[in-house]
Amino acid sequence: VHTDPWRVLRIQAEFVEGFGALAEVPRAVTVFGSART
């Protein structure tokens, strides 16, 4: 479960989950800044 081929599936799953969750998000802006503020 810690080998590179298995990690590829985890990476694929992250893309699928991210695309699925955000696909219908309207226009958006990403804002970055310090976690220490």
Full PDB file with SEQRES, HELIX, SHEET, SSBOND, CRYST1, ORIGX, SCALE, CONECT and MASTER records, all heavy atoms in Angstrom:
SEQRES   1 A   37  VAL HIS THR ASP PRO TRP ARG VAL LEU ARG ILE GLN ALA          
SEQRES   2 A   37  GLU PHE VAL GLU GLY PHE GLY ALA LEU ALA GLU VAL PRO          
SEQRES   3 A   37  ARG ALA VAL THR VAL PHE GLY SER ALA ARG THR                  
HELIX    1 AA1 ASP A    4  LEU A   22  1                                  19    
CRYST1    1.000    1.000    1.000  90.00  90.00  90.00 P 1           1          
ORIGX1      1.000000  0.000000  0.000000        0.00000                         
ORIGX2      0.000000  1.000000  0.000000        0.00000                         
ORIGX3      0.000000  0.000000  1.000000        0.00000                         
SCALE1      1.000000  0.000000  0.000000        0.00000                         
SCALE2      0.000000  1.000000  0.000000        0.00000                         
SCALE3      0.000000  0.000000  1.000000        0.00000                         
ATOM      1  N   VAL A   1       0.824  -1.216   0.000  1.00  0.00           N  
ATOM      2  CA  VAL A   1       0.000   0.000   0.000  1.00  0.00           C  
ATOM      3  C   VAL A   1       0.857   1.265   0.000  1.00  0.00           C  
ATOM      4  O   VAL A   1       0.346   2.362  -0.198  1.00  0.00           O  
ATOM      5  CB  VAL A   1      -0.965   0.029   1.201  1.00  0.00           C  
ATOM      6  CG1 VAL A   1      -1.937  -1.113   1.153  1.00  0.00           C  
ATOM      7  CG2 VAL A   1      -0.211   0.045   2.524  1.00  0.00           C  
ATOM      8  N   HIS A   2       2.159   1.121   0.230  1.00  0.00           N  
ATOM      9  CA  HIS A   2       3.053   2.279   0.226  1.00  0.00           C  
ATOM     10  C   HIS A   2       3.953   2.309  -1.004  1.00  0.00           C  
ATOM     11  O   HIS A   2       4.881   3.109  -1.075  1.00  0.00           O  
ATOM     12  CB  HIS A   2       3.911   2.274   1.484  1.00  0.00           C  
ATOM     13  CG  HIS A   2       3.108   2.280   2.754  1.00  0.00           C  
ATOM     14  ND1 HIS A   2       2.302   3.326   3.112  1.00  0.00           N  
ATOM     15  CD2 HIS A   2       2.972   1.343   3.730  1.00  0.00           C  
ATOM     16  CE1 HIS A   2       1.706   3.064   4.261  1.00  0.00           C  
ATOM     17  NE2 HIS A   2       2.092   1.864   4.653  1.00  0.00           N  
ATOM     18  N   THR A   3       3.689   1.444  -1.961  1.00  0.00           N  
ATOM     19  CA  THR A   3       4.511   1.407  -3.168  1.00  0.00           C  
ATOM     20  C   THR A   3       4.049   2.475  -4.157  1.00  0.00           C  
ATOM     21  O   THR A   3       2.910   2.955  -4.105  1.00  0.00           O  
ATOM     22  CB  THR A   3       4.441   0.033  -3.846  1.00  0.00           C  
ATOM     23  OG1 THR A   3       3.083  -0.220  -4.248  1.00  0.00           O  
ATOM     24  CG2 THR A   3       4.914  -1.075  -2.894  1.00  0.00           C  
ATOM     25  N   ASP A   4       4.924   2.839  -5.090  1.00  0.00           N  
ATOM     26  CA  ASP A   4       4.592   3.892  -6.050  1.00  0.00           C  
ATOM     27  C   ASP A   4       3.370   3.580  -6.911  1.00  0.00           C  
ATOM     28  O   ASP A   4       2.546   4.472  -7.143  1.00  0.00           O  
ATOM     29  CB  ASP A   4       5.805   4.195  -6.928  1.00  0.00           C  
ATOM     30  CG  ASP A   4       6.869   4.990  -6.173  1.00  0.00           C  
ATOM     31  OD1 ASP A   4       6.545   5.543  -5.098  1.00  0.00           O  
ATOM     32  OD2 ASP A   4       8.007   5.062  -6.650  1.00  0.00           O  
ATOM     33  N   PRO A   5       3.220   2.325  -7.424  1.00  0.00           N  
ATOM     34  CA  PRO A   5       2.009   2.058  -8.220  1.00  0.00           C  
ATOM     35  C   PRO A   5       0.729   2.289  -7.423  1.00  0.00           C  
ATOM     36  O   PRO A   5      -0.262   2.803  -7.965  1.00  0.00           O  
ATOM     37  CB  PRO A   5       2.171   0.590  -8.624  1.00  0.00           C  
ATOM     38  CG  PRO A   5       3.645   0.379  -8.651  1.00  0.00           C  
ATOM     39  CD  PRO A   5       4.166   1.200  -7.500  1.00  0.00           C  
ATOM     40  N   TRP A   6       0.724   1.938  -6.133  1.00  0.00           N  
ATOM     41  CA  TRP A   6      -0.475   2.164  -5.326  1.00  0.00           C  
ATOM     42  C   TRP A   6      -0.689   3.660  -5.090  1.00  0.00           C  
ATOM     43  O   TRP A   6      -1.813   4.147  -5.066  1.00  0.00           O  
ATOM     44  CB  TRP A   6      -0.354   1.417  -3.998  1.00  0.00           C  
ATOM     45  CG  TRP A   6      -1.559   1.582  -3.133  1.00  0.00           C  
ATOM     46  CD1 TRP A   6      -1.662   2.292  -1.988  1.00  0.00           C  
ATOM     47  CD2 TRP A   6      -2.870   1.031  -3.360  1.00  0.00           C  
ATOM     48  NE1 TRP A   6      -2.936   2.231  -1.471  1.00  0.00           N  
ATOM     49  CE2 TRP A   6      -3.697   1.465  -2.294  1.00  0.00           C  
ATOM     50  CE3 TRP A   6      -3.423   0.228  -4.357  1.00  0.00           C  
ATOM     51  CZ2 TRP A   6      -5.041   1.100  -2.208  1.00  0.00           C  
ATOM     52  CZ3 TRP A   6      -4.761  -0.118  -4.261  1.00  0.00           C  
ATOM     53  CH2 TRP A   6      -5.546   0.302  -3.198  1.00  0.00           C  
ATOM     54  N   ARG A   7       0.402   4.394  -4.919  1.00  0.00           N  
ATOM     55  CA  ARG A   7       0.285   5.849  -4.747  1.00  0.00           C  
ATOM     56  C   ARG A   7      -0.367   6.491  -5.964  1.00  0.00           C  
ATOM     57  O   ARG A   7      -1.090   7.485  -5.853  1.00  0.00           O  
ATOM     58  CB  ARG A   7       1.659   6.464  -4.507  1.00  0.00           C  
ATOM     59  CG  ARG A   7       2.223   6.167  -3.126  1.00  0.00           C  
ATOM     60  CD  ARG A   7       3.453   7.028  -2.840  1.00  0.00           C  
ATOM     61  NE  ARG A   7       4.013   6.728  -1.547  1.00  0.00           N  
ATOM     62  CZ  ARG A   7       5.090   5.974  -1.346  1.00  0.00           C  
ATOM     63  NH1 ARG A   7       5.723   5.461  -2.390  1.00  0.00           N  
ATOM     64  NH2 ARG A   7       5.542   5.745  -0.132  1.00  0.00           N  
ATOM     65  N   VAL A   8      -0.092   5.952  -7.137  1.00  0.00           N  
ATOM     66  CA  VAL A   8      -0.718   6.488  -8.351  1.00  0.00           C  
ATOM     67  C   VAL A   8      -2.235   6.423  -8.233  1.00  0.00           C  
ATOM     68  O   VAL A   8      -2.945   7.363  -8.623  1.00  0.00           O  
ATOM     69  CB  VAL A   8      -0.238   5.718  -9.594  1.00  0.00           C  
ATOM     70  CG1 VAL A   8      -1.071   6.096 -10.815  1.00  0.00           C  
ATOM     71  CG2 VAL A   8       1.234   6.013  -9.870  1.00  0.00           C  
ATOM     72  N   LEU A   9      -2.750   5.335  -7.679  1.00  0.00           N  
ATOM     73  CA  LEU A   9      -4.205   5.208  -7.504  1.00  0.00           C  
ATOM     74  C   LEU A   9      -4.716   6.218  -6.490  1.00  0.00           C  
ATOM     75  O   LEU A   9      -5.806   6.766  -6.645  1.00  0.00           O  
ATOM     76  CB  LEU A   9      -4.562   3.781  -7.075  1.00  0.00           C  
ATOM     77  CG  LEU A   9      -4.242   2.695  -8.100  1.00  0.00           C  
ATOM     78  CD1 LEU A   9      -4.628   1.329  -7.557  1.00  0.00           C  
ATOM     79  CD2 LEU A   9      -4.972   2.956  -9.407  1.00  0.00           C  
ATOM     80  N   ARG A  10      -3.949   6.442  -5.436  1.00  0.00           N  
ATOM     81  CA  ARG A  10      -4.347   7.456  -4.456  1.00  0.00           C  
ATOM     82  C   ARG A  10      -4.368   8.844  -5.093  1.00  0.00           C  
ATOM     83  O   ARG A  10      -5.263   9.649  -4.836  1.00  0.00           O  
ATOM     84  CB  ARG A  10      -3.381   7.448  -3.268  1.00  0.00           C  
ATOM     85  CG  ARG A  10      -3.617   6.315  -2.294  1.00  0.00           C  
ATOM     86  CD  ARG A  10      -2.667   6.424  -1.121  1.00  0.00           C  
ATOM     87  NE  ARG A  10      -3.036   5.491  -0.077  1.00  0.00           N  
ATOM     88  CZ  ARG A  10      -2.279   5.222   0.984  1.00  0.00           C  
ATOM     89  NH1 ARG A  10      -1.108   5.829   1.114  1.00  0.00           N  
ATOM     90  NH2 ARG A  10      -2.678   4.378   1.911  1.00  0.00           N  
ATOM     91  N   ILE A  11      -3.352   9.126  -5.889  1.00  0.00           N  
ATOM     92  CA  ILE A  11      -3.296  10.410  -6.577  1.00  0.00           C  
ATOM     93  C   ILE A  11      -4.495  10.554  -7.516  1.00  0.00           C  
ATOM     94  O   ILE A  11      -5.156  11.601  -7.571  1.00  0.00           O  
ATOM     95  CB  ILE A  11      -1.970  10.543  -7.356  1.00  0.00           C  
ATOM     96  CG1 ILE A  11      -0.796  10.635  -6.379  1.00  0.00           C  
ATOM     97  CG2 ILE A  11      -2.000  11.754  -8.280  1.00  0.00           C  
ATOM     98  CD1 ILE A  11       0.562  10.411  -7.022  1.00  0.00           C  
ATOM     99  N   GLN A  12      -4.778   9.490  -8.247  1.00  0.00           N  
ATOM    100  CA  GLN A  12      -5.933   9.501  -9.149  1.00  0.00           C  
ATOM    101  C   GLN A  12      -7.210   9.756  -8.373  1.00  0.00           C  
ATOM    102  O   GLN A  12      -8.063  10.549  -8.791  1.00  0.00           O  
ATOM    103  CB  GLN A  12      -6.024   8.165  -9.883  1.00  0.00           C  
ATOM    104  CG  GLN A  12      -7.237   8.040 -10.791  1.00  0.00           C  
ATOM    105  CD  GLN A  12      -7.265   6.687 -11.489  1.00  0.00           C  
ATOM    106  OE1 GLN A  12      -6.324   6.308 -12.153  1.00  0.00           O  
ATOM    107  NE2 GLN A  12      -8.346   5.951 -11.305  1.00  0.00           N  
ATOM    108  N   ALA A  13      -7.342   9.092  -7.213  1.00  0.00           N  
ATOM    109  CA  ALA A  13      -8.536   9.272  -6.392  1.00  0.00           C  
ATOM    110  C   ALA A  13      -8.658  10.717  -5.906  1.00  0.00           C  
ATOM    111  O   ALA A  13      -9.761  11.269  -5.849  1.00  0.00           O  
ATOM    112  CB  ALA A  13      -8.497   8.322  -5.197  1.00  0.00           C  
ATOM    113  N   GLU A  14      -7.529  11.352  -5.578  1.00  0.00           N  
ATOM    114  CA  GLU A  14      -7.573  12.746  -5.141  1.00  0.00           C  
ATOM    115  C   GLU A  14      -8.053  13.663  -6.261  1.00  0.00           C  
ATOM    116  O   GLU A  14      -8.839  14.583  -6.032  1.00  0.00           O  
ATOM    117  CB  GLU A  14      -6.198  13.207  -4.645  1.00  0.00           C  
ATOM    118  CG  GLU A  14      -5.837  12.642  -3.295  1.00  0.00           C  
ATOM    119  CD  GLU A  14      -4.846  13.501  -2.530  1.00  0.00           C  
ATOM    120  OE1 GLU A  14      -4.251  14.421  -3.119  1.00  0.00           O  
ATOM    121  OE2 GLU A  14      -4.678  13.255  -1.334  1.00  0.00           O  
ATOM    122  N   PHE A  15      -7.571  13.420  -7.472  1.00  0.00           N  
ATOM    123  CA  PHE A  15      -8.042  14.213  -8.595  1.00  0.00           C  
ATOM    124  C   PHE A  15      -9.539  14.011  -8.811  1.00  0.00           C  
ATOM    125  O   PHE A  15     -10.293  14.974  -9.029  1.00  0.00           O  
ATOM    126  CB  PHE A  15      -7.274  13.857  -9.867  1.00  0.00           C  
ATOM    127  CG  PHE A  15      -5.949  14.559 -10.002  1.00  0.00           C  
ATOM    128  CD1 PHE A  15      -4.765  13.856  -9.954  1.00  0.00           C  
ATOM    129  CD2 PHE A  15      -5.895  15.934 -10.179  1.00  0.00           C  
ATOM    130  CE1 PHE A  15      -3.541  14.498 -10.073  1.00  0.00           C  
ATOM    131  CE2 PHE A  15      -4.681  16.594 -10.303  1.00  0.00           C  
ATOM    132  CZ  PHE A  15      -3.493  15.872 -10.247  1.00  0.00           C  
ATOM    133  N   VAL A  16      -9.993  12.753  -8.759  1.00  0.00           N  
ATOM    134  CA  VAL A  16     -11.412  12.469  -8.973  1.00  0.00           C  
ATOM    135  C   VAL A  16     -12.264  13.163  -7.906  1.00  0.00           C  
ATOM    136  O   VAL A  16     -13.285  13.791  -8.213  1.00  0.00           O  
ATOM    137  CB  VAL A  16     -11.661  10.952  -8.966  1.00  0.00           C  
ATOM    138  CG1 VAL A  16     -13.153  10.638  -8.948  1.00  0.00           C  
ATOM    139  CG2 VAL A  16     -11.013  10.301 -10.186  1.00  0.00           C  
ATOM    140  N   GLU A  17     -11.848  13.050  -6.631  1.00  0.00           N  
ATOM    141  CA  GLU A  17     -12.604  13.682  -5.551  1.00  0.00           C  
ATOM    142  C   GLU A  17     -12.608  15.207  -5.710  1.00  0.00           C  
ATOM    143  O   GLU A  17     -13.645  15.855  -5.531  1.00  0.00           O  
ATOM    144  CB  GLU A  17     -11.997  13.306  -4.196  1.00  0.00           C  
ATOM    145  CG  GLU A  17     -12.227  11.865  -3.781  1.00  0.00           C  
ATOM    146  CD  GLU A  17     -13.692  11.556  -3.534  1.00  0.00           C  
ATOM    147  OE1 GLU A  17     -14.456  12.478  -3.171  1.00  0.00           O  
ATOM    148  OE2 GLU A  17     -14.090  10.388  -3.714  1.00  0.00           O  
ATOM    149  N   GLY A  18     -11.450  15.768  -6.030  1.00  0.00           N  
ATOM    150  CA  GLY A  18     -11.372  17.220  -6.188  1.00  0.00           C  
ATOM    151  C   GLY A  18     -12.215  17.726  -7.339  1.00  0.00           C  
ATOM    152  O   GLY A  18     -12.980  18.679  -7.195  1.00  0.00           O  
ATOM    153  N   PHE A  19     -12.093  17.069  -8.498  1.00  0.00           N  
ATOM    154  CA  PHE A  19     -12.892  17.468  -9.655  1.00  0.00           C  
ATOM    155  C   PHE A  19     -14.379  17.320  -9.368  1.00  0.00           C  
ATOM    156  O   PHE A  19     -15.187  18.176  -9.739  1.00  0.00           O  
ATOM    157  CB  PHE A  19     -12.511  16.637 -10.881  1.00  0.00           C  
ATOM    158  CG  PHE A  19     -11.129  16.912 -11.408  1.00  0.00           C  
ATOM    159  CD1 PHE A  19     -10.450  15.938 -12.125  1.00  0.00           C  
ATOM    160  CD2 PHE A  19     -10.507  18.125 -11.202  1.00  0.00           C  
ATOM    161  CE1 PHE A  19      -9.171  16.177 -12.620  1.00  0.00           C  
ATOM    162  CE2 PHE A  19      -9.230  18.376 -11.682  1.00  0.00           C  
ATOM    163  CZ  PHE A  19      -8.567  17.394 -12.402  1.00  0.00           C  
ATOM    164  N   GLY A  20     -14.740  16.220  -8.706  1.00  0.00           N  
ATOM    165  CA  GLY A  20     -16.149  15.991  -8.403  1.00  0.00           C  
ATOM    166  C   GLY A  20     -16.722  17.016  -7.450  1.00  0.00           C  
ATOM    167  O   GLY A  20     -17.847  17.509  -7.624  1.00  0.00           O  
ATOM    168  N   ALA A  21     -15.945  17.390  -6.435  1.00  0.00           N  
ATOM    169  CA  ALA A  21     -16.431  18.338  -5.432  1.00  0.00           C  
ATOM    170  C   ALA A  21     -16.512  19.758  -5.963  1.00  0.00           C  
ATOM    171  O   ALA A  21     -17.376  20.540  -5.547  1.00  0.00           O  
ATOM    172  CB  ALA A  21     -15.524  18.299  -4.204  1.00  0.00           C  
ATOM    173  N   LEU A  22     -15.616  20.112  -6.894  1.00  0.00           N  
ATOM    174  CA  LEU A  22     -15.495  21.505  -7.315  1.00  0.00           C  
ATOM    175  C   LEU A  22     -16.041  21.786  -8.710  1.00  0.00           C  
ATOM    176  O   LEU A  22     -16.054  22.939  -9.148  1.00  0.00           O  
ATOM    177  CB  LEU A  22     -14.026  21.924  -7.269  1.00  0.00           C  
ATOM    178  CG  LEU A  22     -13.344  21.765  -5.900  1.00  0.00           C  
ATOM    179  CD1 LEU A  22     -11.840  22.039  -6.026  1.00  0.00           C  
ATOM    180  CD2 LEU A  22     -13.959  22.690  -4.870  1.00  0.00           C  
ATOM    181  N   ALA A  23     -16.504  20.750  -9.401  1.00  0.00           N  
ATOM    182  CA  ALA A  23     -16.904  20.905 -10.806  1.00  0.00           C  
ATOM    183  C   ALA A  23     -17.987  21.961 -10.997  1.00  0.00           C  
ATOM    184  O   ALA A  23     -18.012  22.657 -12.019  1.00  0.00           O  
ATOM    185  CB  ALA A  23     -17.369  19.571 -11.374  1.00  0.00           C  
ATOM    186  N   GLU A  24     -18.891  22.116 -10.041  1.00  0.00           N  
ATOM    187  CA  GLU A  24     -19.998  23.052 -10.205  1.00  0.00           C  
ATOM    188  C   GLU A  24     -19.795  24.352  -9.434  1.00  0.00           C  
ATOM    189  O   GLU A  24     -20.733  25.126  -9.252  1.00  0.00           O  
ATOM    190  CB  GLU A  24     -21.300  22.374  -9.784  1.00  0.00           C  
ATOM    191  CG  GLU A  24     -21.646  21.181 -10.673  1.00  0.00           C  
ATOM    192  CD  GLU A  24     -22.958  20.530 -10.300  1.00  0.00           C  
ATOM    193  OE1 GLU A  24     -23.604  20.998  -9.341  1.00  0.00           O  
ATOM    194  OE2 GLU A  24     -23.342  19.549 -10.963  1.00  0.00           O  
ATOM    195  N   VAL A  25     -18.556  24.584  -8.977  1.00  0.00           N  
ATOM    196  CA  VAL A  25     -18.261  25.841  -8.302  1.00  0.00           C  
ATOM    197  C   VAL A  25     -18.388  26.984  -9.302  1.00  0.00           C  
ATOM    198  O   VAL A  25     -17.897  26.893 -10.428  1.00  0.00           O  
ATOM    199  CB  VAL A  25     -16.832  25.782  -7.703  1.00  0.00           C  
ATOM    200  CG1 VAL A  25     -16.357  27.177  -7.297  1.00  0.00           C  
ATOM    201  CG2 VAL A  25     -16.803  24.852  -6.504  1.00  0.00           C  
ATOM    202  N   PRO A  26     -19.061  28.074  -8.921  1.00  0.00           N  
ATOM    203  CA  PRO A  26     -19.149  29.228  -9.843  1.00  0.00           C  
ATOM    204  C   PRO A  26     -17.794  29.910  -9.956  1.00  0.00           C  
ATOM    205  O   PRO A  26     -16.786  29.429  -9.446  1.00  0.00           O  
ATOM    206  CB  PRO A  26     -20.173  30.124  -9.143  1.00  0.00           C  
ATOM    207  CG  PRO A  26     -20.032  29.790  -7.691  1.00  0.00           C  
ATOM    208  CD  PRO A  26     -19.718  28.319  -7.633  1.00  0.00           C  
ATOM    209  N   ARG A  27     -17.759  31.049 -10.627  1.00  0.00           N  
ATOM    210  CA  ARG A  27     -16.497  31.772 -10.755  1.00  0.00           C  
ATOM    211  C   ARG A  27     -15.900  32.010  -9.362  1.00  0.00           C  
ATOM    212  O   ARG A  27     -16.630  32.280  -8.397  1.00  0.00           O  
ATOM    213  CB  ARG A  27     -16.710  33.087 -11.489  1.00  0.00           C  
ATOM    214  CG  ARG A  27     -17.717  34.022 -10.839  1.00  0.00           C  
ATOM    215  CD  ARG A  27     -17.944  35.238 -11.703  1.00  0.00           C  
ATOM    216  NE  ARG A  27     -18.832  36.206 -11.050  1.00  0.00           N  
ATOM    217  CZ  ARG A  27     -18.993  37.454 -11.459  1.00  0.00           C  
ATOM    218  NH1 ARG A  27     -18.328  37.888 -12.516  1.00  0.00           N  
ATOM    219  NH2 ARG A  27     -19.803  38.262 -10.829  1.00  0.00           N  
ATOM    220  N   ALA A  28     -14.580  31.900  -9.274  1.00  0.00           N  
ATOM    221  CA  ALA A  28     -13.943  31.909  -7.961  1.00  0.00           C  
ATOM    222  C   ALA A  28     -12.569  32.568  -8.029  1.00  0.00           C  
ATOM    223  O   ALA A  28     -11.969  32.699  -9.100  1.00  0.00           O  
ATOM    224  CB  ALA A  28     -13.812  30.488  -7.436  1.00  0.00           C  
ATOM    225  N   VAL A  29     -12.077  32.969  -6.860  1.00  0.00           N  
ATOM    226  CA  VAL A  29     -10.744  33.537  -6.715  1.00  0.00           C  
ATOM    227  C   VAL A  29     -10.041  32.800  -5.587  1.00  0.00           C  
ATOM    228  O   VAL A  29     -10.629  32.569  -4.526  1.00  0.00           O  
ATOM    229  CB  VAL A  29     -10.806  35.044  -6.393  1.00  0.00           C  
ATOM    230  CG1 VAL A  29      -9.407  35.603  -6.119  1.00  0.00           C  
ATOM    231  CG2 VAL A  29     -11.471  35.805  -7.527  1.00  0.00           C  
ATOM    232  N   THR A  30      -8.803  32.408  -5.827  1.00  0.00           N  
ATOM    233  CA  THR A  30      -8.007  31.775  -4.778  1.00  0.00           C  
ATOM    234  C   THR A  30      -7.204  32.838  -4.061  1.00  0.00           C  
ATOM    235  O   THR A  30      -6.523  33.649  -4.693  1.00  0.00           O  
ATOM    236  CB  THR A  30      -7.070  30.715  -5.372  1.00  0.00           C  
ATOM    237  OG1 THR A  30      -7.859  29.669  -5.964  1.00  0.00           O  
ATOM    238  CG2 THR A  30      -6.201  30.103  -4.285  1.00  0.00           C  
ATOM    239  N   VAL A  31      -7.293  32.823  -2.730  1.00  0.00           N  
ATOM    240  CA  VAL A  31      -6.580  33.798  -1.905  1.00  0.00           C  
ATOM    241  C   VAL A  31      -5.610  33.047  -0.997  1.00  0.00           C  
ATOM    242  O   VAL A  31      -6.001  32.125  -0.282  1.00  0.00           O  
ATOM    243  CB  VAL A  31      -7.552  34.630  -1.045  1.00  0.00           C  
ATOM    244  CG1 VAL A  31      -6.786  35.739  -0.324  1.00  0.00           C  
ATOM    245  CG2 VAL A  31      -8.655  35.244  -1.913  1.00  0.00           C  
ATOM    246  N   PHE A  32      -4.351  33.460  -1.046  1.00  0.00           N  
ATOM    247  CA  PHE A  32      -3.322  32.858  -0.206  1.00  0.00           C  
ATOM    248  C   PHE A  32      -2.901  33.828   0.887  1.00  0.00           C  
ATOM    249  O   PHE A  32      -3.048  35.038   0.759  1.00  0.00           O  
ATOM    250  CB  PHE A  32      -2.094  32.486  -1.041  1.00  0.00           C  
ATOM    251  CG  PHE A  32      -2.377  31.468  -2.100  1.00  0.00           C  
ATOM    252  CD1 PHE A  32      -2.459  31.836  -3.429  1.00  0.00           C  
ATOM    253  CD2 PHE A  32      -2.576  30.142  -1.760  1.00  0.00           C  
ATOM    254  CE1 PHE A  32      -2.733  30.904  -4.411  1.00  0.00           C  
ATOM    255  CE2 PHE A  32      -2.847  29.205  -2.737  1.00  0.00           C  
ATOM    256  CZ  PHE A  32      -2.922  29.581  -4.053  1.00  0.00           C  
ATOM    257  N   GLY A  33      -2.347  33.281   1.950  1.00  0.00           N  
ATOM    258  CA  GLY A  33      -1.841  34.112   3.031  1.00  0.00           C  
ATOM    259  C   GLY A  33      -1.359  33.234   4.166  1.00  0.00           C  
ATOM    260  O   GLY A  33      -1.591  32.026   4.193  1.00  0.00           O  
ATOM    261  N   SER A  34      -0.723  33.848   5.116  1.00  0.00           N  
ATOM    262  CA  SER A  34      -0.056  33.110   6.184  1.00  0.00           C  
ATOM    263  C   SER A  34      -1.033  32.433   7.144  1.00  0.00           C  
ATOM    264  O   SER A  34      -2.008  33.043   7.588  1.00  0.00           O  
ATOM    265  CB  SER A  34       0.845  34.050   6.976  1.00  0.00           C  
ATOM    266  OG  SER A  34       1.427  33.377   8.065  1.00  0.00           O  
ATOM    267  N   ALA A  35      -0.715  31.190   7.490  1.00  0.00           N  
ATOM    268  CA  ALA A  35      -1.463  30.483   8.526  1.00  0.00           C  
ATOM    269  C   ALA A  35      -1.161  31.058   9.908  1.00  0.00           C  
ATOM    270  O   ALA A  35      -1.869  30.780  10.870  1.00  0.00           O  
ATOM    271  CB  ALA A  35      -1.119  28.994   8.492  1.00  0.00           C  
ATOM    272  N   ARG A  36      -0.105  31.863  10.013  1.00  0.00           N  
ATOM    273  CA  ARG A  36       0.342  32.378  11.312  1.00  0.00           C  
ATOM    274  C   ARG A  36      -0.248  33.741  11.653  1.00  0.00           C  
ATOM    275  O   ARG A  36       0.054  34.304  12.707  1.00  0.00           O  
ATOM    276  CB  ARG A  36       1.873  32.452  11.327  1.00  0.00           C  
ATOM    277  CG  ARG A  36       2.529  31.121  11.024  1.00  0.00           C  
ATOM    278  CD  ARG A  36       4.034  31.194  11.096  1.00  0.00           C  
ATOM    279  NE  ARG A  36       4.647  29.941  10.658  1.00  0.00           N  
ATOM    280  CZ  ARG A  36       5.934  29.646  10.781  1.00  0.00           C  
ATOM    281  NH1 ARG A  36       6.759  30.527  11.324  1.00  0.00           N  
ATOM    282  NH2 ARG A  36       6.403  28.488  10.349  1.00  0.00           N  
ATOM    283  N   THR A  37      -1.074  34.285  10.780  1.00  0.00           N  
ATOM    284  CA  THR A  37      -1.696  35.578  11.056  1.00  0.00           C  
ATOM    285  C   THR A  37      -2.677  35.445  12.218  1.00  0.00           C  
ATOM    286  O   THR A  37      -3.593  34.624  12.166  1.00  0.00           O  
ATOM    287  CB  THR A  37      -2.437  36.099   9.808  1.00  0.00           C  
ATOM    288  OG1 THR A  37      -1.512  36.188   8.716  1.00  0.00           O  
ATOM    289  CG2 THR A  37      -3.043  37.464  10.065  1.00  0.00           C  
TER     290      THR A  37                                                      
MASTER        0    0    0    1    0    0    0    6  289    1    0    3          
END                                                                             
